[in-house]
Amino acid sequence: MVDMNKLMKQARQLQEKMAKMQEELATKTVEASTGGGMVKVVASGKREIQSIEISPEVVNPDDIEMLQDLTLAAINEALRKAEELATAEMAKVAGGINLKIPGLM
């Protein structure tokens, strides 16, 4: 027989751990770069872009498209790394339970 009080207590503990983990993710960052480091993007663990650095030598008024491509690639890579960080942190909290619940992360 399932002890509902125990189950509810475990659910609250998991919810508290997840809230703490999400606060911690906001303080963690990942960095991605493209063009041999010419464009660098830093994102938080909450998948928010915090900074973009563009080296002056990559700025060419005759080739704006290349700069746009490098920036877009760096942003996408930073967001991918932030997602990996969040997934890894969530796995620690979940203790191996698959918590891919839409809207949770």
PDB file of N, CA and C in Angstrom:
ATOM      1  N   MET A   1       0.838  -1.181   0.000  1.00  0.00           N
ATOM      2  CA  MET A   1       0.000   0.000   0.000  1.00  0.00           C
ATOM      3  C   MET A   1       0.889   1.252   0.000  1.00  0.00           C
ATOM      4  N   VAL A   2       0.528   2.237  -0.761  1.00  0.00           N
ATOM      5  CA  VAL A   2       1.295   3.470  -0.885  1.00  0.00           C
ATOM      6  C   VAL A   2       0.961   4.401   0.275  1.00  0.00           C
ATOM      7  N   ASP A   3       2.018   4.871   0.949  1.00  0.00           N
ATOM      8  CA  ASP A   3       1.846   5.841   2.031  1.00  0.00           C
ATOM      9  C   ASP A   3       1.815   7.229   1.391  1.00  0.00           C
ATOM     10  N   MET A   4       0.628   7.813   1.285  1.00  0.00           N
ATOM     11  CA  MET A   4       0.464   9.101   0.597  1.00  0.00           C
ATOM     12  C   MET A   4       1.236  10.220   1.294  1.00  0.00           C
ATOM     13  N   ASN A   5       1.302  10.208   2.617  1.00  0.00           N
ATOM     14  CA  ASN A   5       2.057  11.243   3.331  1.00  0.00           C
ATOM     15  C   ASN A   5       3.538  11.171   2.981  1.00  0.00           C
ATOM     16  N   LYS A   6       4.059   9.949   2.934  1.00  0.00           N
ATOM     17  CA  LYS A   6       5.465   9.771   2.572  1.00  0.00           C
ATOM     18  C   LYS A   6       5.707  10.214   1.130  1.00  0.00           C
ATOM     19  N   LEU A   7       4.797   9.841   0.258  1.00  0.00           N
ATOM     20  CA  LEU A   7       4.905  10.216  -1.146  1.00  0.00           C
ATOM     21  C   LEU A   7       4.863  11.734  -1.319  1.00  0.00           C
ATOM     22  N   MET A   8       3.958  12.395  -0.608  1.00  0.00           N
ATOM     23  CA  MET A   8       3.852  13.861  -0.685  1.00  0.00           C
ATOM     24  C   MET A   8       5.108  14.529  -0.131  1.00  0.00           C
ATOM     25  N   LYS A   9       5.659  13.985   0.951  1.00  0.00           N
ATOM     26  CA  LYS A   9       6.879  14.529   1.537  1.00  0.00           C
ATOM     27  C   LYS A   9       8.037  14.414   0.543  1.00  0.00           C
ATOM     28  N   GLN A  10       8.141  13.267  -0.125  1.00  0.00           N
ATOM     29  CA  GLN A  10       9.194  13.067  -1.123  1.00  0.00           C
ATOM     30  C   GLN A  10       9.016  14.029  -2.294  1.00  0.00           C
ATOM     31  N   ALA A  11       7.778  14.252  -2.701  1.00  0.00           N
ATOM     32  CA  ALA A  11       7.503  15.177  -3.804  1.00  0.00           C
ATOM     33  C   ALA A  11       7.909  16.592  -3.418  1.00  0.00           C
ATOM     34  N   ARG A  12       7.612  17.003  -2.189  1.00  0.00           N
ATOM     35  CA  ARG A  12       8.000  18.343  -1.716  1.00  0.00           C
ATOM     36  C   ARG A  12       9.517  18.481  -1.654  1.00  0.00           C
ATOM     37  N   GLN A  13      10.193  17.431  -1.184  1.00  0.00           N
ATOM     38  CA  GLN A  13      11.654  17.465  -1.109  1.00  0.00           C
ATOM     39  C   GLN A  13      12.262  17.585  -2.503  1.00  0.00           C
ATOM     40  N   LEU A  14      11.718  16.843  -3.447  1.00  0.00           N
ATOM     41  CA  LEU A  14      12.208  16.909  -4.818  1.00  0.00           C
ATOM     42  C   LEU A  14      11.960  18.299  -5.396  1.00  0.00           C
ATOM     43  N   GLN A  15      10.797  18.855  -5.124  1.00  0.00           N
ATOM     44  CA  GLN A  15      10.467  20.194  -5.612  1.00  0.00           C
ATOM     45  C   GLN A  15      11.424  21.232  -5.018  1.00  0.00           C
ATOM     46  N   GLU A  16      11.750  21.109  -3.741  1.00  0.00           N
ATOM     47  CA  GLU A  16      12.693  22.033  -3.097  1.00  0.00           C
ATOM     48  C   GLU A  16      14.082  21.900  -3.699  1.00  0.00           C
ATOM     49  N   LYS A  17      14.517  20.660  -3.934  1.00  0.00           N
ATOM     50  CA  LYS A  17      15.826  20.433  -4.544  1.00  0.00           C
ATOM     51  C   LYS A  17      15.884  21.030  -5.946  1.00  0.00           C
ATOM     52  N   MET A  18      14.799  20.866  -6.696  1.00  0.00           N
ATOM     53  CA  MET A  18      14.766  21.393  -8.059  1.00  0.00           C
ATOM     54  C   MET A  18      14.792  22.918  -8.052  1.00  0.00           C
ATOM     55  N   ALA A  19      14.087  23.537  -7.122  1.00  0.00           N
ATOM     56  CA  ALA A  19      14.090  25.000  -7.030  1.00  0.00           C
ATOM     57  C   ALA A  19      15.490  25.497  -6.687  1.00  0.00           C
ATOM     58  N   LYS A  20      16.161  24.820  -5.764  1.00  0.00           N
ATOM     59  CA  LYS A  20      17.524  25.206  -5.400  1.00  0.00           C
ATOM     60  C   LYS A  20      18.459  25.038  -6.591  1.00  0.00           C
ATOM     61  N   MET A  21      18.300  23.925  -7.322  1.00  0.00           N
ATOM     62  CA  MET A  21      19.130  23.668  -8.489  1.00  0.00           C
ATOM     63  C   MET A  21      18.944  24.756  -9.539  1.00  0.00           C
ATOM     64  N   GLN A  22      17.710  25.194  -9.742  1.00  0.00           N
ATOM     65  CA  GLN A  22      17.460  26.235 -10.729  1.00  0.00           C
ATOM     66  C   GLN A  22      18.083  27.560 -10.302  1.00  0.00           C
ATOM     67  N   GLU A  23      18.090  27.853  -8.999  1.00  0.00           N
ATOM     68  CA  GLU A  23      18.771  29.060  -8.505  1.00  0.00           C
ATOM     69  C   GLU A  23      20.263  28.961  -8.768  1.00  0.00           C
ATOM     70  N   GLU A  24      20.829  27.780  -8.531  1.00  0.00           N
ATOM     71  CA  GLU A  24      22.254  27.573  -8.759  1.00  0.00           C
ATOM     72  C   GLU A  24      22.598  27.673 -10.241  1.00  0.00           C
ATOM     73  N   LEU A  25      21.721  27.185 -11.111  1.00  0.00           N
ATOM     74  CA  LEU A  25      21.968  27.272 -12.545  1.00  0.00           C
ATOM     75  C   LEU A  25      22.088  28.719 -13.008  1.00  0.00           C
ATOM     76  N   ALA A  26      21.359  29.603 -12.365  1.00  0.00           N
ATOM     77  CA  ALA A  26      21.403  31.015 -12.741  1.00  0.00           C
ATOM     78  C   ALA A  26      22.790  31.606 -12.488  1.00  0.00           C
ATOM     79  N   THR A  27      23.557  30.998 -11.568  1.00  0.00           N
ATOM     80  CA  THR A  27      24.878  31.527 -11.243  1.00  0.00           C
ATOM     81  C   THR A  27      25.990  30.859 -12.042  1.00  0.00           C
ATOM     82  N   LYS A  28      25.682  29.760 -12.712  1.00  0.00           N
ATOM     83  CA  LYS A  28      26.686  29.044 -13.496  1.00  0.00           C
ATOM     84  C   LYS A  28      26.659  29.533 -14.937  1.00  0.00           C
ATOM     85  N   THR A  29      27.831  29.496 -15.583  1.00  0.00           N
ATOM     86  CA  THR A  29      27.901  29.936 -16.969  1.00  0.00           C
ATOM     87  C   THR A  29      28.637  28.918 -17.825  1.00  0.00           C
ATOM     88  N   VAL A  30      28.362  28.988 -19.108  1.00  0.00           N
ATOM     89  CA  VAL A  30      29.083  28.217 -20.118  1.00  0.00           C
ATOM     90  C   VAL A  30      29.524  29.207 -21.189  1.00  0.00           C
ATOM     91  N   GLU A  31      30.597  28.864 -21.882  1.00  0.00           N
ATOM     92  CA  GLU A  31      31.113  29.737 -22.943  1.00  0.00           C
ATOM     93  C   GLU A  31      31.280  28.936 -24.213  1.00  0.00           C
ATOM     94  N   ALA A  32      30.980  29.574 -25.318  1.00  0.00           N
ATOM     95  CA  ALA A  32      31.193  28.968 -26.630  1.00  0.00           C
ATOM     96  C   ALA A  32      31.860  30.008 -27.517  1.00  0.00           C
ATOM     97  N   SER A  33      32.689  29.531 -28.429  1.00  0.00           N
ATOM     98  CA  SER A  33      33.333  30.464 -29.352  1.00  0.00           C
ATOM     99  C   SER A  33      33.378  29.861 -30.748  1.00  0.00           C
ATOM    100  N   THR A  34      33.468  30.745 -31.724  1.00  0.00           N
ATOM    101  CA  THR A  34      33.579  30.335 -33.116  1.00  0.00           C
ATOM    102  C   THR A  34      34.659  31.170 -33.771  1.00  0.00           C
ATOM    103  N   GLY A  35      35.023  30.777 -34.967  1.00  0.00           N
ATOM    104  CA  GLY A  35      36.026  31.535 -35.712  1.00  0.00           C
ATOM    105  C   GLY A  35      37.360  31.577 -34.997  1.00  0.00           C
ATOM    106  N   GLY A  36      37.722  30.465 -34.355  1.00  0.00           N
ATOM    107  CA  GLY A  36      38.996  30.425 -33.641  1.00  0.00           C
ATOM    108  C   GLY A  36      39.029  31.394 -32.468  1.00  0.00           C
ATOM    109  N   GLY A  37      37.890  31.614 -31.848  1.00  0.00           N
ATOM    110  CA  GLY A  37      37.818  32.505 -30.691  1.00  0.00           C
ATOM    111  C   GLY A  37      37.486  33.942 -31.052  1.00  0.00           C
ATOM    112  N   MET A  38      37.187  34.183 -32.303  1.00  0.00           N
ATOM    113  CA  MET A  38      36.877  35.556 -32.732  1.00  0.00           C
ATOM    114  C   MET A  38      35.531  36.039 -32.203  1.00  0.00           C
ATOM    115  N   VAL A  39      34.593  35.116 -32.007  1.00  0.00           N
ATOM    116  CA  VAL A  39      33.296  35.447 -31.432  1.00  0.00           C
ATOM    117  C   VAL A  39      33.083  34.529 -30.236  1.00  0.00           C
ATOM    118  N   LYS A  40      32.874  35.133 -29.056  1.00  0.00           N
ATOM    119  CA  LYS A  40      32.657  34.371 -27.834  1.00  0.00           C
ATOM    120  C   LYS A  40      31.313  34.756 -27.235  1.00  0.00           C
ATOM    121  N   VAL A  41      30.587  33.742 -26.779  1.00  0.00           N
ATOM    122  CA  VAL A  41      29.280  33.960 -26.162  1.00  0.00           C
ATOM    123  C   VAL A  41      29.265  33.256 -24.819  1.00  0.00           C
ATOM    124  N   VAL A  42      28.762  33.954 -23.795  1.00  0.00           N
ATOM    125  CA  VAL A  42      28.598  33.371 -22.464  1.00  0.00           C
ATOM    126  C   VAL A  42      27.102  33.309 -22.181  1.00  0.00           C
ATOM    127  N   ALA A  43      26.658  32.121 -21.722  1.00  0.00           N
ATOM    128  CA  ALA A  43      25.250  31.931 -21.369  1.00  0.00           C
ATOM    129  C   ALA A  43      25.177  31.392 -19.947  1.00  0.00           C
ATOM    130  N   SER A  44      24.099  31.719 -19.263  1.00  0.00           N
ATOM    131  CA  SER A  44      23.887  31.184 -17.917  1.00  0.00           C
ATOM    132  C   SER A  44      23.308  29.778 -18.031  1.00  0.00           C
ATOM    133  N   GLY A  45      23.321  29.075 -16.911  1.00  0.00           N
ATOM    134  CA  GLY A  45      22.725  27.756 -16.867  1.00  0.00           C
ATOM    135  C   GLY A  45      21.223  27.786 -17.081  1.00  0.00           C
ATOM    136  N   LYS A  46      20.638  28.976 -16.998  1.00  0.00           N
ATOM    137  CA  LYS A  46      19.205  29.129 -17.263  1.00  0.00           C
ATOM    138  C   LYS A  46      18.954  29.473 -18.732  1.00  0.00           C
ATOM    139  N   ARG A  47      19.986  29.307 -19.544  1.00  0.00           N
ATOM    140  CA  ARG A  47      19.903  29.522 -20.987  1.00  0.00           C
ATOM    141  C   ARG A  47      19.590  30.972 -21.355  1.00  0.00           C
ATOM    142  N   GLU A  48      20.240  31.889 -20.651  1.00  0.00           N
ATOM    143  CA  GLU A  48      20.134  33.316 -20.974  1.00  0.00           C
ATOM    144  C   GLU A  48      21.513  33.798 -21.403  1.00  0.00           C
ATOM    145  N   ILE A  49      21.569  34.492 -22.533  1.00  0.00           N
ATOM    146  CA  ILE A  49      22.842  35.023 -23.018  1.00  0.00           C
ATOM    147  C   ILE A  49      23.263  36.160 -22.104  1.00  0.00           C
ATOM    148  N   GLN A  50      24.502  36.070 -21.590  1.00  0.00           N
ATOM    149  CA  GLN A  50      25.001  37.096 -20.684  1.00  0.00           C
ATOM    150  C   GLN A  50      25.960  38.060 -21.358  1.00  0.00           C
ATOM    151  N   SER A  51      26.730  37.557 -22.314  1.00  0.00           N
ATOM    152  CA  SER A  51      27.646  38.464 -23.005  1.00  0.00           C
ATOM    153  C   SER A  51      28.039  37.886 -24.359  1.00  0.00           C
ATOM    154  N   ILE A  52      28.417  38.805 -25.236  1.00  0.00           N
ATOM    155  CA  ILE A  52      28.940  38.456 -26.559  1.00  0.00           C
ATOM    156  C   ILE A  52      30.176  39.313 -26.778  1.00  0.00           C
ATOM    157  N   GLU A  53      31.294  38.662 -27.110  1.00  0.00           N
ATOM    158  CA  GLU A  53      32.535  39.374 -27.422  1.00  0.00           C
ATOM    159  C   GLU A  53      32.863  39.131 -28.894  1.00  0.00           C
ATOM    160  N   ILE A  54      33.156  40.198 -29.604  1.00  0.00           N
ATOM    161  CA  ILE A  54      33.518  40.089 -31.013  1.00  0.00           C
ATOM    162  C   ILE A  54      34.862  40.767 -31.204  1.00  0.00           C
ATOM    163  N   SER A  55      35.843  40.008 -31.680  1.00  0.00           N
ATOM    164  CA  SER A  55      37.169  40.571 -31.931  1.00  0.00           C
ATOM    165  C   SER A  55      37.094  41.554 -33.085  1.00  0.00           C
ATOM    166  N   PRO A  56      37.765  42.689 -32.972  1.00  0.00           N
ATOM    167  CA  PRO A  56      37.722  43.709 -34.035  1.00  0.00           C
ATOM    168  C   PRO A  56      38.164  43.183 -35.399  1.00  0.00           C
ATOM    169  N   GLU A  57      39.101  42.229 -35.418  1.00  0.00           N
ATOM    170  CA  GLU A  57      39.599  41.751 -36.706  1.00  0.00           C
ATOM    171  C   GLU A  57      38.579  40.928 -37.496  1.00  0.00           C
ATOM    172  N   VAL A  58      37.502  40.488 -36.839  1.00  0.00           N
ATOM    173  CA  VAL A  58      36.479  39.741 -37.574  1.00  0.00           C
ATOM    174  C   VAL A  58      35.427  40.686 -38.166  1.00  0.00           C
ATOM    175  N   VAL A  59      35.457  41.943 -37.780  1.00  0.00           N
ATOM    176  CA  VAL A  59      34.483  42.911 -38.282  1.00  0.00           C
ATOM    177  C   VAL A  59      34.966  43.429 -39.638  1.00  0.00           C
ATOM    178  N   ASN A  60      34.264  43.015 -40.674  1.00  0.00           N
ATOM    179  CA  ASN A  60      34.594  43.423 -42.027  1.00  0.00           C
ATOM    180  C   ASN A  60      33.305  43.954 -42.656  1.00  0.00           C
ATOM    181  N   PRO A  61      33.239  45.258 -42.909  1.00  0.00           N
ATOM    182  CA  PRO A  61      32.011  45.831 -43.471  1.00  0.00           C
ATOM    183  C   PRO A  61      31.597  45.201 -44.796  1.00  0.00           C
ATOM    184  N   ASP A  62      32.572  44.593 -45.481  1.00  0.00           N
ATOM    185  CA  ASP A  62      32.252  43.966 -46.762  1.00  0.00           C
ATOM    186  C   ASP A  62      31.756  42.528 -46.600  1.00  0.00           C
ATOM    187  N   ASP A  63      31.815  41.999 -45.365  1.00  0.00           N
ATOM    188  CA  ASP A  63      31.383  40.618 -45.145  1.00  0.00           C
ATOM    189  C   ASP A  63      30.630  40.505 -43.813  1.00  0.00           C
ATOM    190  N   ILE A  64      29.576  41.264 -43.682  1.00  0.00           N
ATOM    191  CA  ILE A  64      28.738  41.247 -42.481  1.00  0.00           C
ATOM    192  C   ILE A  64      28.108  39.866 -42.289  1.00  0.00           C
ATOM    193  N   GLU A  65      27.818  39.186 -43.378  1.00  0.00           N
ATOM    194  CA  GLU A  65      27.182  37.871 -43.303  1.00  0.00           C
ATOM    195  C   GLU A  65      28.043  36.877 -42.520  1.00  0.00           C
ATOM    196  N   MET A  66      29.370  36.933 -42.696  1.00  0.00           N
ATOM    197  CA  MET A  66      30.246  36.029 -41.960  1.00  0.00           C
ATOM    198  C   MET A  66      30.154  36.307 -40.457  1.00  0.00           C
ATOM    199  N   LEU A  67      30.147  37.567 -40.074  1.00  0.00           N
ATOM    200  CA  LEU A  67      30.032  37.931 -38.667  1.00  0.00           C
ATOM    201  C   LEU A  67      28.700  37.453 -38.100  1.00  0.00           C
ATOM    202  N   GLN A  68      27.653  37.615 -38.852  1.00  0.00           N
ATOM    203  CA  GLN A  68      26.339  37.142 -38.417  1.00  0.00           C
ATOM    204  C   GLN A  68      26.347  35.627 -38.228  1.00  0.00           C
ATOM    205  N   ASP A  69      26.943  34.895 -39.167  1.00  0.00           N
ATOM    206  CA  ASP A  69      27.009  33.436 -39.081  1.00  0.00           C
ATOM    207  C   ASP A  69      27.821  32.987 -37.873  1.00  0.00           C
ATOM    208  N   LEU A  70      28.973  33.627 -37.651  1.00  0.00           N
ATOM    209  CA  LEU A  70      29.813  33.276 -36.507  1.00  0.00           C
ATOM    210  C   LEU A  70      29.089  33.551 -35.192  1.00  0.00           C
ATOM    211  N   THR A  71      28.396  34.680 -35.126  1.00  0.00           N
ATOM    212  CA  THR A  71      27.669  35.046 -33.908  1.00  0.00           C
ATOM    213  C   THR A  71      26.534  34.067 -33.650  1.00  0.00           C
ATOM    214  N   LEU A  72      25.778  33.758 -34.667  1.00  0.00           N
ATOM    215  CA  LEU A  72      24.668  32.823 -34.536  1.00  0.00           C
ATOM    216  C   LEU A  72      25.170  31.444 -34.101  1.00  0.00           C
ATOM    217  N   ALA A  73      26.251  30.980 -34.696  1.00  0.00           N
ATOM    218  CA  ALA A  73      26.804  29.668 -34.342  1.00  0.00           C
ATOM    219  C   ALA A  73      27.279  29.652 -32.883  1.00  0.00           C
ATOM    220  N   ALA A  74      27.929  30.725 -32.441  1.00  0.00           N
ATOM    221  CA  ALA A  74      28.408  30.796 -31.058  1.00  0.00           C
ATOM    222  C   ALA A  74      27.236  30.828 -30.077  1.00  0.00           C
ATOM    223  N   ILE A  75      26.197  31.567 -30.408  1.00  0.00           N
ATOM    224  CA  ILE A  75      25.009  31.638 -29.541  1.00  0.00           C
ATOM    225  C   ILE A  75      24.357  30.263 -29.435  1.00  0.00           C
ATOM    226  N   ASN A  76      24.164  29.609 -30.555  1.00  0.00           N
ATOM    227  CA  ASN A  76      23.532  28.289 -30.541  1.00  0.00           C
ATOM    228  C   ASN A  76      24.371  27.281 -29.755  1.00  0.00           C
ATOM    229  N   GLU A  77      25.684  27.345 -29.893  1.00  0.00           N
ATOM    230  CA  GLU A  77      26.561  26.430 -29.146  1.00  0.00           C
ATOM    231  C   GLU A  77      26.502  26.729 -27.647  1.00  0.00           C
ATOM    232  N   ALA A  78      26.484  27.995 -27.268  1.00  0.00           N
ATOM    233  CA  ALA A  78      26.382  28.355 -25.847  1.00  0.00           C
ATOM    234  C   ALA A  78      25.060  27.869 -25.264  1.00  0.00           C
ATOM    235  N   LEU A  79      23.989  28.027 -26.001  1.00  0.00           N
ATOM    236  CA  LEU A  79      22.686  27.563 -25.519  1.00  0.00           C
ATOM    237  C   LEU A  79      22.638  26.038 -25.424  1.00  0.00           C
ATOM    238  N   ARG A  80      23.291  25.346 -26.355  1.00  0.00           N
ATOM    239  CA  ARG A  80      23.368  23.890 -26.299  1.00  0.00           C
ATOM    240  C   ARG A  80      24.127  23.450 -25.050  1.00  0.00           C
ATOM    241  N   LYS A  81      25.251  24.125 -24.765  1.00  0.00           N
ATOM    242  CA  LYS A  81      26.037  23.798 -23.576  1.00  0.00           C
ATOM    243  C   LYS A  81      25.246  24.101 -22.300  1.00  0.00           C
ATOM    244  N   ALA A  82      24.497  25.189 -22.296  1.00  0.00           N
ATOM    245  CA  ALA A  82      23.671  25.524 -21.132  1.00  0.00           C
ATOM    246  C   ALA A  82      22.606  24.458 -20.911  1.00  0.00           C
ATOM    247  N   GLU A  83      22.036  23.950 -21.994  1.00  0.00           N
ATOM    248  CA  GLU A  83      21.044  22.883 -21.895  1.00  0.00           C
ATOM    249  C   GLU A  83      21.668  21.618 -21.325  1.00  0.00           C
ATOM    250  N   GLU A  84      22.875  21.289 -21.776  1.00  0.00           N
ATOM    251  CA  GLU A  84      23.586  20.122 -21.249  1.00  0.00           C
ATOM    252  C   GLU A  84      23.865  20.284 -19.756  1.00  0.00           C
ATOM    253  N   LEU A  85      24.274  21.484 -19.352  1.00  0.00           N
ATOM    254  CA  LEU A  85      24.530  21.769 -17.943  1.00  0.00           C
ATOM    255  C   LEU A  85      23.258  21.588 -17.125  1.00  0.00           C
ATOM    256  N   ALA A  86      22.155  22.132 -17.598  1.00  0.00           N
ATOM    257  CA  ALA A  86      20.885  22.016 -16.882  1.00  0.00           C
ATOM    258  C   ALA A  86      20.441  20.563 -16.787  1.00  0.00           C
ATOM    259  N   THR A  87      20.612  19.806 -17.851  1.00  0.00           N
ATOM    260  CA  THR A  87      20.231  18.390 -17.848  1.00  0.00           C
ATOM    261  C   THR A  87      21.085  17.606 -16.859  1.00  0.00           C
ATOM    262  N   ALA A  88      22.382  17.892 -16.832  1.00  0.00           N
ATOM    263  CA  ALA A  88      23.276  17.199 -15.900  1.00  0.00           C
ATOM    264  C   ALA A  88      22.919  17.529 -14.454  1.00  0.00           C
ATOM    265  N   GLU A  89      22.628  18.791 -14.180  1.00  0.00           N
ATOM    266  CA  GLU A  89      22.259  19.192 -12.822  1.00  0.00           C
ATOM    267  C   GLU A  89      20.924  18.574 -12.421  1.00  0.00           C
ATOM    268  N   MET A  90      20.001  18.514 -13.349  1.00  0.00           N
ATOM    269  CA  MET A  90      18.692  17.913 -13.074  1.00  0.00           C
ATOM    270  C   MET A  90      18.851  16.431 -12.763  1.00  0.00           C
ATOM    271  N   ALA A  91      19.743  15.757 -13.478  1.00  0.00           N
ATOM    272  CA  ALA A  91      19.978  14.329 -13.238  1.00  0.00           C
ATOM    273  C   ALA A  91      20.509  14.101 -11.828  1.00  0.00           C
ATOM    274  N   LYS A  92      21.345  15.010 -11.340  1.00  0.00           N
ATOM    275  CA  LYS A  92      21.859  14.891  -9.970  1.00  0.00           C
ATOM    276  C   LYS A  92      20.712  14.977  -8.966  1.00  0.00           C
ATOM    277  N   VAL A  93      19.820  15.917  -9.173  1.00  0.00           N
ATOM    278  CA  VAL A  93      18.690  16.121  -8.261  1.00  0.00           C
ATOM    279  C   VAL A  93      17.727  14.946  -8.332  1.00  0.00           C
ATOM    280  N   ALA A  94      17.483  14.457  -9.530  1.00  0.00           N
ATOM    281  CA  ALA A  94      16.485  13.404  -9.729  1.00  0.00           C
ATOM    282  C   ALA A  94      16.987  12.036  -9.302  1.00  0.00           C
ATOM    283  N   GLY A  95      18.289  11.900  -9.133  1.00  0.00           N
ATOM    284  CA  GLY A  95      18.819  10.620  -8.711  1.00  0.00           C
ATOM    285  C   GLY A  95      18.562   9.502  -9.699  1.00  0.00           C
ATOM    286  N   GLY A  96      18.666   9.813 -10.971  1.00  0.00           N
ATOM    287  CA  GLY A  96      18.494   8.797 -12.006  1.00  0.00           C
ATOM    288  C   GLY A  96      17.083   8.692 -12.551  1.00  0.00           C
ATOM    289  N   ILE A  97      16.139   9.398 -11.956  1.00  0.00           N
ATOM    290  CA  ILE A  97      14.769   9.375 -12.457  1.00  0.00           C
ATOM    291  C   ILE A  97      14.702  10.270 -13.682  1.00  0.00           C
ATOM    292  N   ASN A  98      14.072   9.820 -14.746  1.00  0.00           N
ATOM    293  CA  ASN A  98      13.917  10.624 -15.954  1.00  0.00           C
ATOM    294  C   ASN A  98      12.813  11.650 -15.716  1.00  0.00           C
ATOM    295  N   LEU A  99      13.201  12.939 -15.641  1.00  0.00           N
ATOM    296  CA  LEU A  99      12.229  13.998 -15.365  1.00  0.00           C
ATOM    297  C   LEU A  99      12.032  14.914 -16.560  1.00  0.00           C
ATOM    298  N   LYS A 100      11.914  14.390 -17.723  1.00  0.00           N
ATOM    299  CA  LYS A 100      11.684  15.221 -18.901  1.00  0.00           C
ATOM    300  C   LYS A 100      10.209  15.586 -18.956  1.00  0.00           C
ATOM    301  N   ILE A 101       9.841  16.553 -18.129  1.00  0.00           N
ATOM    302  CA  ILE A 101       8.464  16.999 -18.053  1.00  0.00           C
ATOM    303  C   ILE A 101       8.380  18.341 -18.775  1.00  0.00           C
ATOM    304  N   PRO A 102       7.529  18.465 -19.771  1.00  0.00           N
ATOM    305  CA  PRO A 102       7.422  19.729 -20.509  1.00  0.00           C
ATOM    306  C   PRO A 102       7.155  20.902 -19.588  1.00  0.00           C
ATOM    307  N   GLY A 103       7.909  21.998 -19.812  1.00  0.00           N
ATOM    308  CA  GLY A 103       7.714  23.209 -19.035  1.00  0.00           C
ATOM    309  C   GLY A 103       8.458  23.233 -17.714  1.00  0.00           C
ATOM    310  N   LEU A 104       9.065  22.103 -17.330  1.00  0.00           N
ATOM    311  CA  LEU A 104       9.778  22.034 -16.072  1.00  0.00           C
ATOM    312  C   LEU A 104      11.120  22.729 -16.170  1.00  0.00           C
ATOM    313  N   MET A 105      11.799  22.576 -17.256  1.00  0.00           N
ATOM    314  CA  MET A 105      13.119  23.149 -17.436  1.00  0.00           C
ATOM    315  C   MET A 105      13.131  24.022 -18.656  1.00  0.00           C
TER     316      MET A 105
END
